[in-house]
Amino acid sequence: MNICLRRGEKLYLNGAVLRVDRKVCVELMNDVTFLLENHVMQPQDATTPLRQLYFVIQLMLISPNDTAAARDMCHGMLASLNQAFTDSRVIEGLAMVAKHIEDKRTFDALKAVRALFPYESEIMSASQTLSSDRAA
């Protein structure tokens, strides 16, 4: 797999953080766990339940040698989210996330959660509209 980075960009690779000082392409020759800087969520951006789940899974990817607490938190969050959401698209997505976590496919779990963000946004918008209509 080839990854091209711009000057100053970071790559999170097997728990290490690399920053490049010039444009560079890196060829990964074996199976590694990595995350590009533009996919890293900052704590202040974890403002919704699914974004919080993403953040916890991201911690497992960034610190692969210290995942026990994050994995426990992830399992608890998945159980809570399965009870909180009724939308079948989200429930099915959460099942896929759980399977990826179980299979230790953390990057795939992140992608699956990211795919659920539009549904969560749609649900929250509808909920806010309904709340506004009731208040009026």
Protein backbone atom coordinates (compact mmCIF):
# COMPACT_ATOMS: atom_id res chain seq x y z
CA MET A 1 0.00 0.00 0.00
CA ASN A 2 1.33 3.42 -0.93
CA ILE A 3 0.60 6.45 1.23
CA CYS A 4 1.56 9.93 0.10
CA LEU A 5 1.93 12.64 2.72
CA ARG A 6 2.29 16.39 2.36
CA ARG A 7 4.83 18.47 4.23
CA GLY A 8 3.99 18.59 7.95
CA GLU A 9 1.34 15.86 7.72
CA LYS A 10 1.18 13.12 10.36
CA LEU A 11 0.78 9.39 10.01
CA TYR A 12 -0.16 7.24 13.00
CA LEU A 13 1.55 3.90 12.37
CA ASN A 14 1.41 0.96 14.81
CA GLY A 15 1.24 3.35 17.75
CA ALA A 16 4.00 5.65 16.50
CA VAL A 17 3.34 9.17 15.23
CA LEU A 18 5.35 10.19 12.19
CA ARG A 19 5.48 13.75 10.85
CA VAL A 20 7.17 14.39 7.53
CA ASP A 21 9.16 17.52 6.73
CA ARG A 22 8.55 17.34 2.97
CA LYS A 23 6.21 15.67 0.53
CA VAL A 24 6.87 11.95 0.67
CA CYS A 25 5.31 8.67 -0.43
CA VAL A 26 5.66 5.66 1.84
CA GLU A 27 5.12 2.09 0.72
CA LEU A 28 3.84 -0.19 3.48
CA MET A 29 5.17 -3.65 2.69
CA ASN A 30 3.31 -5.67 5.31
CA ASP A 31 0.19 -5.58 7.46
CA VAL A 32 0.25 -2.50 9.69
CA THR A 33 -2.24 -0.48 11.63
CA PHE A 34 -2.26 3.13 10.50
CA LEU A 35 -4.40 6.23 10.55
CA LEU A 36 -3.97 9.34 8.46
CA GLU A 37 -4.04 12.69 10.23
CA ASN A 38 -7.23 13.83 8.47
CA HIS A 39 -9.10 10.85 9.95
CA VAL A 40 -8.01 11.59 13.52
CA MET A 41 -10.83 13.03 15.59
CA GLN A 42 -9.91 15.54 18.27
CA PRO A 43 -11.57 15.15 21.70
CA GLN A 44 -13.55 18.39 21.30
CA ASP A 45 -15.11 17.00 18.10
CA ALA A 46 -16.54 13.90 19.82
CA THR A 47 -19.87 15.68 20.39
CA THR A 48 -22.39 12.94 19.54
CA PRO A 49 -22.75 9.33 20.69
CA LEU A 50 -21.36 7.85 17.46
CA ARG A 51 -18.52 10.36 17.33
CA GLN A 52 -17.65 9.39 20.91
CA LEU A 53 -17.60 5.74 19.84
CA TYR A 54 -15.33 6.68 16.92
CA PHE A 55 -12.98 8.48 19.31
CA VAL A 56 -12.73 5.44 21.61
CA ILE A 57 -12.05 3.08 18.70
CA GLN A 58 -9.48 5.56 17.40
CA LEU A 59 -7.67 5.31 20.75
CA MET A 60 -7.35 1.55 20.22
CA LEU A 61 -5.81 2.15 16.80
CA ILE A 62 -3.42 4.90 17.87
CA SER A 63 -2.22 3.03 20.99
CA PRO A 64 -2.34 -0.65 19.99
CA ASN A 65 -0.28 -1.79 23.00
CA ASP A 66 -2.73 -0.27 25.50
CA THR A 67 -6.23 -1.15 24.32
CA ALA A 68 -7.83 -2.94 27.28
CA ALA A 69 -9.59 0.08 28.82
CA ALA A 70 -10.65 1.48 25.44
CA ARG A 71 -11.90 -1.96 24.34
CA ASP A 72 -14.01 -2.29 27.53
CA MET A 73 -15.38 1.22 27.02
CA CYS A 74 -16.15 0.39 23.39
CA HIS A 75 -18.13 -2.74 24.34
CA GLY A 76 -20.13 -0.75 26.90
CA MET A 77 -20.82 2.02 24.41
CA LEU A 78 -21.94 -0.46 21.74
CA ALA A 79 -24.39 -2.04 24.19
CA SER A 80 -25.80 1.38 25.15
CA LEU A 81 -26.03 2.58 21.55
CA ASN A 82 -27.86 -0.58 20.50
CA GLN A 83 -30.51 0.23 23.09
CA ALA A 84 -30.64 3.96 22.31
CA PHE A 85 -31.01 3.78 18.52
CA THR A 86 -34.06 2.34 16.78
CA ASP A 87 -33.02 3.08 13.19
CA SER A 88 -32.27 -0.24 11.49
CA ARG A 89 -29.44 1.28 9.44
CA VAL A 90 -27.65 2.33 12.62
CA ILE A 91 -28.35 -0.99 14.39
CA GLU A 92 -26.95 -2.94 11.42
CA GLY A 93 -23.93 -0.64 11.27
CA LEU A 94 -23.27 -1.09 14.98
CA ALA A 95 -23.40 -4.87 14.51
CA MET A 96 -20.73 -4.53 11.81
CA VAL A 97 -18.64 -2.32 14.12
CA ALA A 98 -18.89 -4.93 16.89
CA LYS A 99 -17.83 -7.68 14.47
CA HIS A 100 -14.82 -5.67 13.32
CA ILE A 101 -13.81 -4.98 16.93
CA GLU A 102 -14.17 -8.68 17.78
CA ASP A 103 -12.03 -9.57 14.74
CA LYS A 104 -9.43 -6.93 15.78
CA ARG A 105 -10.04 -5.00 12.57
CA THR A 106 -9.95 -1.59 14.20
CA PHE A 107 -9.52 0.45 11.01
CA ASP A 108 -12.57 -1.25 9.47
CA ALA A 109 -14.53 -0.50 12.65
CA LEU A 110 -13.62 3.19 12.30
CA LYS A 111 -14.78 3.20 8.68
CA ALA A 112 -18.06 1.55 9.69
CA VAL A 113 -18.70 4.14 12.41
CA ARG A 114 -17.82 7.00 10.06
CA ALA A 115 -20.41 5.65 7.59
CA LEU A 116 -23.06 6.00 10.33
CA PHE A 117 -22.44 9.72 10.93
CA PRO A 118 -24.94 10.87 8.26
CA TYR A 119 -27.70 8.69 9.76
CA GLU A 120 -26.98 10.02 13.23
CA SER A 121 -27.09 13.58 11.90
CA GLU A 122 -30.40 12.87 10.17
CA ILE A 123 -31.87 11.38 13.36
CA MET A 124 -30.67 14.25 15.51
CA SER A 125 -32.01 16.85 13.05
CA ALA A 126 -35.41 15.17 13.03
CA SER A 127 -35.37 15.02 16.82
CA GLN A 128 -34.52 18.72 17.11
CA THR A 129 -37.28 19.62 14.63
CA LEU A 130 -39.76 17.56 16.60
CA SER A 131 -38.66 19.24 19.86
CA SER A 132 -39.01 22.69 18.27
CA ASP A 133 -42.50 21.85 16.97
CA ARG A 134 -43.59 20.68 20.43
CA ALA A 135 -42.24 23.85 22.08
CA ALA A 136 -44.15 26.07 19.64
